[in-house]
Each structure stands twice: as structure tokens, then as C-alpha cells.
Amino acid sequence: MKNYQNYKKHVQVDMVKYSGTFHFNEQLKQEGTDIKINGKSSQVLDDIETTIRAIVRNHGNEFNESKEERSIMIDKKYEFKAGDYVEYLGDIYLTNNSIDKDNPFFNTAKMTRCNYVLKWMDEGVLKEQSCIVYNNTKNTGGTKTLTSGLTEIDAMVNINIQNNEDTRKINYGKRLYTMKNAWQVTLIDNITTENTFSWTLGKDSLNSEIDDIVNGICDAFEHSYAISLNSNNQTLVETETYKIVPNVTDKGVTVTNPKVNYTSSDENIAKVDSTGLVTALSVGSCIITCSIGTVNSVLNLNVNEKPISPVVSYSTNWSQGTNIKQFVTSTLSCIKTISGVADSTLHIDYSFDTNAQTLINAGKIVVTRKSDSSISIKNVSVTTSTNIYLTVTDSVNNTKILDNQQITLTGM
């Protein structure tokens, strides 16, 4: 009888899950499109940077043709939630309502195409955000009667926009520009729709003195900034740094500690931090833009290759060593090399300690310069063991070649 105890057991596969996943992946290959979520085209899945791909279909609302709605089917592994921006075929969509997670293989959601890019100023910094603008003027009747008996335009719009760090700063009374008019926020709803704001705005009046009508920004000229830099052109070498010093005025008055925004056109060449410190990274050219409000000034930056520092070394040789007997002459030769190449221009300076200088003055030892880079020392009449000390320097850069080198004078 055969022994089956070493046979591998059959691993049971969840065929429903396998089949559903297989069919969704096949459908994704046929109908799927690369998309971006909140400006990012990929996410890390299982430690691998993966392009975001989803199935997007028309989901029109026949009762409101001004809204272009689509449905999206996306793998559950992707991080995706209500209020996310989805870029699909060049358009930006806002994901509305909650994400439907009932399907075991993928998540589904509805999203609406953004029809406007809202712009506003936040502490002197221009903010831009895609949004959906609805004209609700028809719900107001279009006019209202004043106590004087006169009538005026009674208009209203609604804006749906992502709930994020920038939009959370929008408060009641904030003036915004859309539909060629100025509007004022009168209601902020952050409850009805998950991760999005729904703002209700009443019509306001444009003011050409503070509103940038051309670029569609209310209160753009609340400040009248001007900015200049300590330099508009700089050349650095790799790893060097440079500090931008901006001079900002508001209606002619110097601004203390201005909130300047710094950006680099190519962070592979140079980066800049929030204080204006520029760091050169690699060879090339880029532009550092320094902006406040709607004005800016630029620094044109060139980065050159960092020169290789030469390696300088010295060596010495004594013809008779440093123990010099009476009547013996020992010659010191100095050699200088720069990156391995001998430098024939070496010129040395030398000095002795006070004891040696006394012996020299007495004629008991004789020191002679043999060349620019060598000297000789002759023991004329020193017969008892005596130590003297020699210091030799490179006369060009004052580098010490010998520092208090001990020389011993002895008798025969």
C-alpha cells in the first residue's frame, strides 16, 4: 500500500474572491484609465510605487445638465475618500458623498467635474483651488425690496470645495470672485457632505481699488506690495549656499519680517528653504522665485561644478641624517607635491632655537642655503652631545614642513 503521508495537501482557494478579483483586473485592463488623486499619479502599494488606475464612466444627471457627473470604480488598495480631487482626462473632479465600499473587490463613488478655479489671498499668499460653482439666484427671486421701497439685485451662489488646510481658513464675510462678480460668504456647511465644504455666498460689489478683476481675485490689492532682492543674479559652485535678502514694502512702507514664499524652478539644481537660504546641488541653471501677494522678484542662479581641491604634501631627506658628528655636513632637501606632481617652485624659510643661534653666531656650526628648497648644516666644533631645533616653512603659504625638528650634534 502506498504511503501518502508526504504528499502536499491541496490549498483551498476562495474561488469567489479569486474570480471577482480576476474579472475586475481584466475589466481594468480593458476600460481602465490612469488618474491622479489630489495631484498624485501614484501610491505605494505593498512597498511598490504603483500608478493609480481606475474605471471612470458617465453618470449624468438628467435634471441638472450644468453638472457633469461620473462614477468611478477603483481598487480597494488605493487610499481614496470622499472630498478627494480626481484628475481624469485633463479635468478635475470632486468626489462627493461617501465612498461605497459594499463591493468586496473594488470601491465605487460619484464625482462631479469642477467648473471653476477659485483664487483668494491668505496672508499675502495667493491660493488656488478647483471647485464647483452653482448659481442659486433663481431661488431668491432675483430681486429684493428695500425699506425705502426700491429694489436691488438679490443674487446667491453655492460653492462645493474640498475641506483642507487652506479652505478651513475661509470664514464668514470672506469676499470671493466668481461669475464676473464679487461674493461674500454667508453660510459654511461642513456637515452635509463628507470632507467637503458647501459655501453659500451673497452678491457683493466689486471694488477696483482692492479687487484684481483681471485675474479674478477679491481683496488682492488690500496690500500694495513691492519686492526687491539683494541680488537678481548669482553664480555658485556645488554645495555652496546663498541667503536671499528680500526688501518688501507695502504702499511704500517697509514690511518687517515679510512672509515671502520661495520656490525653485528645478530642485535638482538648487533648493531654497522658507527663510530664503539657497543650496546649490548640481550643475545647471534655475530660477528662484520670491513672491508675496501677487508680486514677485526672481533670482537667476547658475551653478558651476565644484573644483577639486589639490592635495598638497611635503617630504624631507637628510643626506647624513639628523645626528651630525664634528666636521660632518648634513644637507636637508625638501620636496613639495601638488596632487602627486612635484612643485619646482618651492621656496623654504627656516629658523633655529636660541641655543642653535648661539652656536651659529659663535661659528661652531655653519648653516648654508644650498637652493630654494634645501640647506646644509655643518658641525664645525661641537664635541659634546648637543640638541638644537629647526623649523622649516613653505614661504608661499607658511605651511610648516618641519616643526622644531631635533638635530643632535656629537663629537667624532
Protein backbone atom coordinates (compact mmCIF):
# COMPACT_ATOMS: atom_id res chain seq x y z
CA MET A 1 0.00 0.00 0.00
CA LYS A 2 1.38 3.43 -0.97
CA ASN A 3 2.42 5.88 1.75
CA TYR A 4 0.72 9.24 1.12
CA GLN A 5 1.87 10.98 4.29
CA ASN A 6 4.45 13.14 2.45
CA TYR A 7 2.04 14.30 -0.22
CA LYS A 8 1.31 18.06 -0.11
CA LYS A 9 -2.17 18.94 0.96
CA HIS A 10 -4.31 20.83 -1.53
CA VAL A 11 -4.54 24.53 -0.67
CA GLN A 12 -8.15 25.59 -0.83
CA VAL A 13 -8.75 28.75 -2.87
CA ASP A 14 -11.64 31.14 -2.30
CA MET A 15 -12.92 30.89 -5.87
CA VAL A 16 -15.50 33.67 -5.45
CA LYS A 17 -12.86 36.12 -4.30
CA TYR A 18 -10.36 34.91 -6.90
CA SER A 19 -12.90 35.10 -9.71
CA GLY A 20 -14.15 38.55 -8.69
CA THR A 21 -10.64 39.97 -8.40
CA PHE A 22 -9.63 38.39 -11.70
CA HIS A 23 -12.62 39.79 -13.58
CA PHE A 24 -12.18 43.28 -12.08
CA ASN A 25 -8.48 43.31 -13.06
CA GLU A 26 -9.38 42.18 -16.57
CA GLN A 27 -12.02 44.89 -16.77
CA LEU A 28 -9.45 47.40 -15.51
CA LYS A 29 -7.11 46.43 -18.34
CA GLN A 30 -9.85 46.99 -20.92
CA GLU A 31 -11.60 50.10 -19.56
CA GLY A 32 -9.16 51.50 -17.01
CA THR A 33 -7.56 54.93 -17.24
CA ASP A 34 -4.62 56.45 -15.38
CA ILE A 35 -5.85 59.12 -12.96
CA LYS A 36 -4.47 61.41 -10.27
CA ILE A 37 -5.82 61.68 -6.74
CA ASN A 38 -5.14 65.03 -5.09
CA GLY A 39 -2.47 65.74 -7.69
CA LYS A 40 -0.60 62.44 -7.25
CA SER A 41 -0.40 59.92 -10.06
CA SER A 42 0.81 57.01 -7.93
CA GLN A 43 0.63 55.48 -4.46
CA VAL A 44 2.77 52.96 -2.62
CA LEU A 45 1.08 49.55 -2.61
CA ASP A 46 2.91 46.63 -0.96
CA ASP A 47 6.12 48.75 -0.89
CA ILE A 48 5.90 49.36 -4.66
CA GLU A 49 5.18 52.77 -6.24
CA THR A 50 2.07 51.98 -8.30
CA THR A 51 0.33 54.10 -10.94
CA ILE A 52 -3.26 54.88 -9.93
CA ARG A 53 -5.70 53.34 -12.39
CA ALA A 54 -9.50 53.27 -12.26
CA ILE A 55 -12.61 52.75 -14.35
CA VAL A 56 -14.49 56.01 -14.93
CA ARG A 57 -17.94 56.09 -16.53
CA ASN A 58 -20.51 58.73 -17.40
CA HIS A 59 -23.11 59.23 -14.74
CA GLY A 60 -25.08 62.22 -15.96
CA ASN A 61 -27.90 63.84 -14.05
CA GLU A 62 -30.71 64.44 -16.50
CA PHE A 63 -32.36 67.00 -14.18
CA ASN A 64 -29.33 69.27 -13.97
CA GLU A 65 -27.32 69.45 -17.17
CA SER A 66 -24.88 72.02 -15.74
CA LYS A 67 -23.40 69.26 -13.59
CA GLU A 68 -21.19 66.72 -15.28
CA GLU A 69 -21.13 63.67 -13.06
CA ARG A 70 -19.16 60.48 -13.43
CA SER A 71 -18.86 57.27 -11.46
CA ILE A 72 -15.51 55.74 -10.55
CA MET A 73 -14.51 52.16 -9.74
CA ILE A 74 -11.15 51.78 -8.02
CA ASP A 75 -9.17 49.00 -6.34
CA LYS A 76 -9.69 48.85 -2.58
CA LYS A 77 -5.93 49.00 -2.02
CA TYR A 78 -5.77 52.66 -3.03
CA GLU A 79 -6.26 55.39 -0.45
CA PHE A 80 -9.39 57.12 -1.70
CA LYS A 81 -12.06 59.04 0.20
CA ALA A 82 -14.93 61.46 -0.23
CA GLY A 83 -13.74 65.00 -0.91
CA ASP A 84 -10.69 63.87 -2.89
CA TYR A 85 -9.84 65.61 -6.16
CA VAL A 86 -9.59 63.27 -9.14
CA GLU A 87 -7.84 64.34 -12.34
CA TYR A 88 -9.31 62.44 -15.29
CA LEU A 89 -8.60 63.22 -18.97
CA GLY A 90 -7.39 66.73 -18.12
CA ASP A 91 -10.40 67.70 -15.96
CA ILE A 92 -10.60 67.96 -12.17
CA TYR A 93 -13.47 66.20 -10.39
CA LEU A 94 -14.58 66.47 -6.76
CA THR A 95 -15.58 63.19 -5.16
CA ASN A 96 -18.92 63.71 -3.47
CA ASN A 97 -20.92 61.75 -0.93
CA SER A 98 -19.41 58.73 0.78
CA ILE A 99 -17.36 56.00 -0.84
CA ASP A 100 -19.41 52.87 -1.49
CA LYS A 101 -17.37 50.00 -0.02
CA ASP A 102 -20.03 47.28 -0.26
CA ASN A 103 -18.41 45.55 -3.21
CA PRO A 104 -15.74 43.11 -1.95
CA PHE A 105 -13.41 43.75 -4.89
CA PHE A 106 -13.46 47.49 -5.53
CA ASN A 107 -14.83 50.76 -4.18
CA THR A 108 -17.21 53.00 -6.11
CA ALA A 109 -18.04 56.68 -5.84
CA LYS A 110 -19.66 59.54 -7.69
CA MET A 111 -17.76 62.65 -8.64
CA THR A 112 -18.62 65.98 -10.22
CA ARG A 113 -16.47 67.96 -12.61
CA CYS A 114 -15.11 71.19 -11.16
CA ASN A 115 -16.16 74.15 -13.29
CA TYR A 116 -14.10 76.90 -11.70
CA VAL A 117 -10.71 77.62 -10.13
CA LEU A 118 -11.26 79.82 -7.10
CA LYS A 119 -8.50 82.27 -6.13
CA TRP A 120 -8.04 84.20 -2.90
CA MET A 121 -5.34 85.80 -0.78
CA ASP A 122 -4.23 84.26 2.52
CA GLU A 123 -1.82 86.44 4.50
CA GLY A 124 -0.30 87.75 1.30
CA VAL A 125 -0.06 84.32 -0.36
CA LEU A 126 -2.17 83.50 -3.42
CA LYS A 127 -4.27 80.34 -3.02
CA GLU A 128 -5.97 78.46 -5.87
CA GLN A 129 -8.47 75.59 -5.59
CA SER A 130 -10.72 73.79 -8.03
CA CYS A 131 -14.39 73.88 -7.06
CA ILE A 132 -17.97 73.55 -8.26
CA VAL A 133 -19.99 76.77 -8.51
CA TYR A 134 -23.81 76.65 -8.59
CA ASN A 135 -25.90 79.68 -9.48
CA ASN A 136 -28.78 79.74 -7.00
CA THR A 137 -30.00 83.24 -7.83
CA LYS A 138 -33.23 81.79 -9.25
CA ASN A 139 -34.11 80.53 -5.78
CA THR A 140 -34.04 84.09 -4.39
CA GLY A 141 -36.43 85.58 -6.93
CA GLY A 142 -33.63 87.69 -8.33
CA THR A 143 -34.57 90.92 -6.52
CA LYS A 144 -35.46 92.11 -3.05
CA THR A 145 -37.37 95.14 -1.86
CA LEU A 146 -35.62 97.61 0.43
CA THR A 147 -37.32 99.53 3.25
CA SER A 148 -37.19 102.59 1.01
CA GLY A 149 -39.42 100.82 -1.48
CA LEU A 150 -36.64 100.44 -4.04
CA THR A 151 -35.48 97.06 -5.36
CA GLU A 152 -31.97 95.71 -5.82
CA ILE A 153 -30.41 92.55 -7.23
CA ASP A 154 -30.67 89.65 -4.80
CA ALA A 155 -28.23 87.02 -6.02
CA MET A 156 -26.74 83.92 -4.43
CA VAL A 157 -24.24 81.21 -5.37
CA ASN A 158 -23.13 77.97 -3.77
CA ILE A 159 -19.60 76.60 -3.92
CA ASN A 160 -18.62 72.99 -3.20
CA ILE A 161 -14.92 72.66 -2.43
CA GLN A 162 -12.53 70.25 -0.72
CA ASN A 163 -12.16 70.56 3.05
CA ASN A 164 -8.42 71.06 3.51
CA GLU A 165 -5.87 73.20 5.32
CA ASP A 166 -6.37 76.19 3.02
CA THR A 167 -10.16 76.15 2.77
CA ARG A 168 -10.58 75.74 6.52
CA LYS A 169 -9.23 79.28 6.89
CA ILE A 170 -12.17 80.73 4.95
CA ASN A 171 -14.51 82.48 7.38
CA TYR A 172 -17.86 84.23 7.23
CA GLY A 173 -17.64 87.51 5.35
CA LYS A 174 -14.74 86.40 3.15
CA ARG A 175 -15.01 88.01 -0.29
CA LEU A 176 -14.51 85.73 -3.30
CA TYR A 177 -14.68 86.27 -7.07
CA THR A 178 -16.68 84.14 -9.50
CA MET A 179 -19.14 84.62 -12.36
CA LYS A 180 -17.59 88.08 -13.01
CA ASN A 181 -18.79 89.33 -9.64
CA ALA A 182 -17.68 89.65 -6.04
CA TRP A 183 -19.45 87.49 -3.47
CA GLN A 184 -19.40 87.25 0.31
CA VAL A 185 -19.55 84.03 2.34
CA THR A 186 -22.77 83.96 4.37
CA LEU A 187 -23.03 80.26 5.28
CA ILE A 188 -20.43 77.49 5.78
CA ASP A 189 -21.72 73.89 5.75
CA ASN A 190 -19.12 71.24 6.59
CA ILE A 191 -21.58 68.59 7.78
CA THR A 192 -23.89 67.70 4.89
CA THR A 193 -21.16 66.34 2.61
CA GLU A 194 -18.21 64.38 3.94
CA ASN A 195 -14.74 66.03 3.65
CA THR A 196 -16.11 68.96 1.62
CA PHE A 197 -17.36 72.45 2.31
CA SER A 198 -20.55 73.88 0.88
CA TRP A 199 -20.41 77.66 0.99
CA THR A 200 -23.35 79.93 0.38
CA LEU A 201 -22.37 83.38 -0.89
CA GLY A 202 -24.39 86.56 -1.32
CA LYS A 203 -23.64 89.11 -4.02
CA ASP A 204 -21.23 91.88 -3.13
CA SER A 205 -19.89 94.86 -5.07
CA LEU A 206 -16.57 94.89 -6.92
CA ASN A 207 -14.04 97.50 -5.82
CA SER A 208 -11.38 98.23 -8.44
CA GLU A 209 -9.09 99.70 -5.78
CA ILE A 210 -8.72 96.40 -3.89
CA ASP A 211 -10.05 93.74 -6.31
CA ASP A 212 -7.94 92.25 -9.11
CA ILE A 213 -10.72 91.92 -11.68
CA VAL A 214 -8.40 90.77 -14.48
CA ASN A 215 -7.14 87.75 -12.51
CA GLY A 216 -10.37 87.19 -10.55
CA ILE A 217 -9.12 87.81 -7.01
CA CYS A 218 -11.05 89.81 -4.42
CA ASP A 219 -9.07 91.89 -1.91
CA ALA A 220 -5.92 91.32 -3.98
CA PHE A 221 -4.80 94.91 -3.51
CA GLU A 222 -5.69 95.20 0.12
CA HIS A 223 -1.93 95.33 0.31
CA SER A 224 0.13 97.06 -2.33
CA TYR A 225 3.35 95.10 -2.10
CA ALA A 226 6.63 95.72 -3.88
CA ILE A 227 9.59 93.37 -3.55
CA SER A 228 13.26 93.62 -4.46
CA LEU A 229 16.20 91.34 -3.72
CA ASN A 230 19.78 91.93 -2.62
CA SER A 231 20.74 90.36 -5.97
CA ASN A 232 18.92 89.10 -9.04
CA ASN A 233 21.85 87.12 -10.46
CA GLN A 234 24.16 84.75 -8.65
CA THR A 235 26.71 82.08 -9.55
CA LEU A 236 27.50 79.36 -7.03
CA VAL A 237 29.50 76.17 -7.09
CA GLU A 238 28.05 72.85 -5.99
CA THR A 239 27.30 72.63 -2.21
CA GLU A 240 27.62 76.40 -1.75
CA THR A 241 24.79 78.35 -0.09
CA TYR A 242 23.44 81.83 -0.61
CA LYS A 243 20.98 83.82 1.52
CA ILE A 244 18.33 85.82 -0.31
CA VAL A 245 17.54 89.07 1.47
CA PRO A 246 14.21 90.49 0.26
CA ASN A 247 13.17 94.10 0.72
CA VAL A 248 9.36 94.29 0.88
CA THR A 249 7.29 97.45 1.05
CA ASP A 250 3.54 97.84 1.40
CA LYS A 251 2.28 101.12 -0.04
CA GLY A 252 5.81 102.44 0.27
CA VAL A 253 6.31 101.40 3.89
CA THR A 254 8.97 98.76 4.65
CA VAL A 255 7.49 95.48 5.93
CA THR A 256 9.28 93.91 8.90
CA ASN A 257 9.64 90.12 8.69
CA PRO A 258 7.61 89.78 5.45
CA LYS A 259 6.08 86.37 4.68
CA VAL A 260 7.84 85.75 1.38
CA ASN A 261 7.20 82.50 -0.48
CA TYR A 262 10.31 80.97 -2.12
CA THR A 263 10.24 78.38 -4.93
CA SER A 264 12.90 76.84 -7.17
CA SER A 265 12.20 76.10 -10.83
CA ASP A 266 14.41 72.99 -10.59
CA GLU A 267 15.08 71.48 -7.18
CA ASN A 268 17.60 69.08 -8.73
CA ILE A 269 19.86 72.08 -9.39
CA ALA A 270 19.15 74.19 -6.31
CA LYS A 271 16.72 74.13 -3.42
CA VAL A 272 15.52 77.01 -1.27
CA ASP A 273 14.01 76.87 2.20
CA SER A 274 11.34 79.03 3.82
CA THR A 275 13.96 81.52 5.04
CA GLY A 276 15.41 82.17 1.58
CA LEU A 277 18.54 80.06 2.05
CA VAL A 278 19.56 78.65 -1.35
CA THR A 279 21.68 75.49 -1.57
CA ALA A 280 23.41 74.65 -4.85
CA LEU A 281 23.06 70.92 -5.63
CA SER A 282 24.21 70.23 -9.19
CA VAL A 283 25.50 71.95 -12.32
CA GLY A 284 22.92 73.93 -14.27
CA SER A 285 20.68 76.99 -14.19
CA CYS A 286 17.40 77.64 -12.44
CA ILE A 287 15.20 80.48 -11.23
CA ILE A 288 14.36 81.15 -7.60
CA THR A 289 11.03 82.99 -7.41
CA CYS A 290 10.36 85.14 -4.34
CA SER A 291 6.71 86.18 -4.08
CA ILE A 292 4.39 87.96 -1.71
CA GLY A 293 0.78 88.55 -2.59
CA THR A 294 0.54 88.89 -6.36
CA VAL A 295 4.03 90.36 -6.89
CA ASN A 296 7.36 88.61 -7.19
CA SER A 297 11.03 89.06 -7.94
CA VAL A 298 13.40 86.41 -9.25
CA LEU A 299 16.96 85.29 -8.67
CA ASN A 300 18.64 83.89 -11.78
CA LEU A 301 21.01 81.23 -10.49
CA ASN A 302 23.89 79.45 -12.23
CA VAL A 303 25.57 76.51 -10.52
CA ASN A 304 29.06 75.50 -11.59
CA GLU A 305 30.96 72.33 -10.88
CA LYS A 306 32.80 72.33 -7.59
CA PRO A 307 36.55 72.45 -8.26
CA ILE A 308 38.60 69.59 -6.93
CA SER A 309 40.86 70.84 -4.14
CA PRO A 310 44.53 70.00 -4.86
CA VAL A 311 46.26 67.63 -2.46
CA VAL A 312 49.49 69.23 -1.21
CA SER A 313 52.13 67.14 0.56
CA TYR A 314 55.73 67.59 1.67
CA SER A 315 58.63 65.24 2.21
CA THR A 316 62.19 65.76 3.52
CA ASN A 317 65.54 64.00 3.25
CA TRP A 318 68.74 64.43 5.28
CA SER A 319 71.90 63.38 3.42
CA GLN A 320 73.72 62.39 6.66
CA GLY A 321 70.77 62.10 8.99
CA THR A 322 69.99 64.31 11.97
CA ASN A 323 72.83 63.05 14.18
CA ILE A 324 75.68 65.23 12.91
CA LYS A 325 79.22 64.46 14.08
CA GLN A 326 82.04 67.00 14.19
CA PHE A 327 83.33 68.01 10.75
CA VAL A 328 80.29 66.35 9.08
CA THR A 329 77.80 68.26 6.87
CA SER A 330 74.21 67.04 6.51
CA THR A 331 72.03 68.54 3.76
CA LEU A 332 68.24 68.87 4.17
CA SER A 333 66.24 68.61 0.91
CA CYS A 334 62.52 69.46 0.87
CA ILE A 335 60.07 68.28 -1.78
CA LYS A 336 56.57 69.62 -2.37
CA THR A 337 53.99 67.75 -4.47
CA ILE A 338 50.60 69.03 -5.64
CA SER A 339 48.19 66.22 -6.47
CA GLY A 340 51.15 63.90 -6.99
CA VAL A 341 53.17 66.32 -9.18
CA ALA A 342 56.42 67.81 -7.86
CA ASP A 343 56.35 71.60 -7.44
CA SER A 344 59.70 73.01 -8.55
CA THR A 345 58.81 76.49 -7.25
CA LEU A 346 59.07 75.50 -3.58
CA HIS A 347 60.95 78.08 -1.54
CA ILE A 348 61.58 77.42 2.14
CA ASP A 349 62.19 79.64 5.13
CA TYR A 350 63.93 78.28 8.20
CA SER A 351 64.69 79.24 11.81
CA PHE A 352 66.51 77.74 14.80
CA ASP A 353 66.02 77.80 18.53
CA THR A 354 68.11 80.23 20.64
CA ASN A 355 70.72 77.58 21.54
CA ALA A 356 71.38 76.81 17.88
CA GLN A 357 71.50 80.51 17.04
CA THR A 358 74.22 81.00 19.69
CA LEU A 359 76.29 78.20 18.17
CA ILE A 360 75.83 79.70 14.70
CA ASN A 361 76.94 83.12 15.91
CA ALA A 362 79.98 81.53 17.55
CA GLY A 363 80.89 79.74 14.31
CA LYS A 364 80.58 76.32 15.93
CA ILE A 365 78.03 75.27 13.31
CA VAL A 366 77.60 76.64 9.79
CA VAL A 367 74.23 76.81 8.01
CA THR A 368 74.24 77.33 4.26
CA ARG A 369 71.33 77.68 1.83
CA LYS A 370 72.06 75.24 -0.98
CA SER A 371 68.95 76.06 -3.07
CA ASP A 372 65.43 77.43 -2.69
CA SER A 373 64.37 74.13 -1.12
CA SER A 374 67.49 72.88 0.66
CA ILE A 375 70.01 73.90 3.37
CA SER A 376 73.09 72.29 4.84
CA ILE A 377 74.27 72.18 8.45
CA LYS A 378 77.95 71.61 9.24
CA ASN A 379 79.19 70.67 12.71
CA VAL A 380 82.43 72.61 12.93
CA SER A 381 83.50 72.26 16.52
CA VAL A 382 80.74 70.86 18.74
CA THR A 383 82.20 67.83 20.51
CA THR A 384 79.71 67.22 23.30
CA SER A 385 76.24 65.88 22.57
CA THR A 386 74.04 68.93 21.98
CA ASN A 387 70.44 69.17 20.74
CA ILE A 388 69.30 72.00 18.51
CA TYR A 389 65.86 72.53 16.92
CA LEU A 390 64.97 73.51 13.37
CA THR A 391 61.65 74.81 11.94
CA VAL A 392 61.11 74.92 8.15
CA THR A 393 58.12 76.53 6.39
CA ASP A 394 56.82 76.94 2.86
CA SER A 395 57.35 80.66 2.20
CA VAL A 396 54.29 80.79 -0.09
CA ASN A 397 51.63 79.52 2.30
CA ASN A 398 53.51 79.39 5.63
CA THR A 399 52.82 75.67 5.96
CA LYS A 400 55.24 74.09 8.42
CA ILE A 401 57.32 71.39 6.77
CA LEU A 402 59.36 70.72 9.91
CA ASP A 403 58.25 71.92 13.32
CA ASN A 404 61.07 72.01 15.89
CA GLN A 405 62.89 69.11 14.27
CA GLN A 406 65.50 67.84 16.74
CA ILE A 407 69.09 67.68 15.46
CA THR A 408 71.79 66.16 17.63
CA LEU A 409 75.39 67.41 17.37
CA THR A 410 78.05 64.97 18.63
CA GLY A 411 81.80 64.60 18.75
CA MET A 412 83.69 62.32 16.45
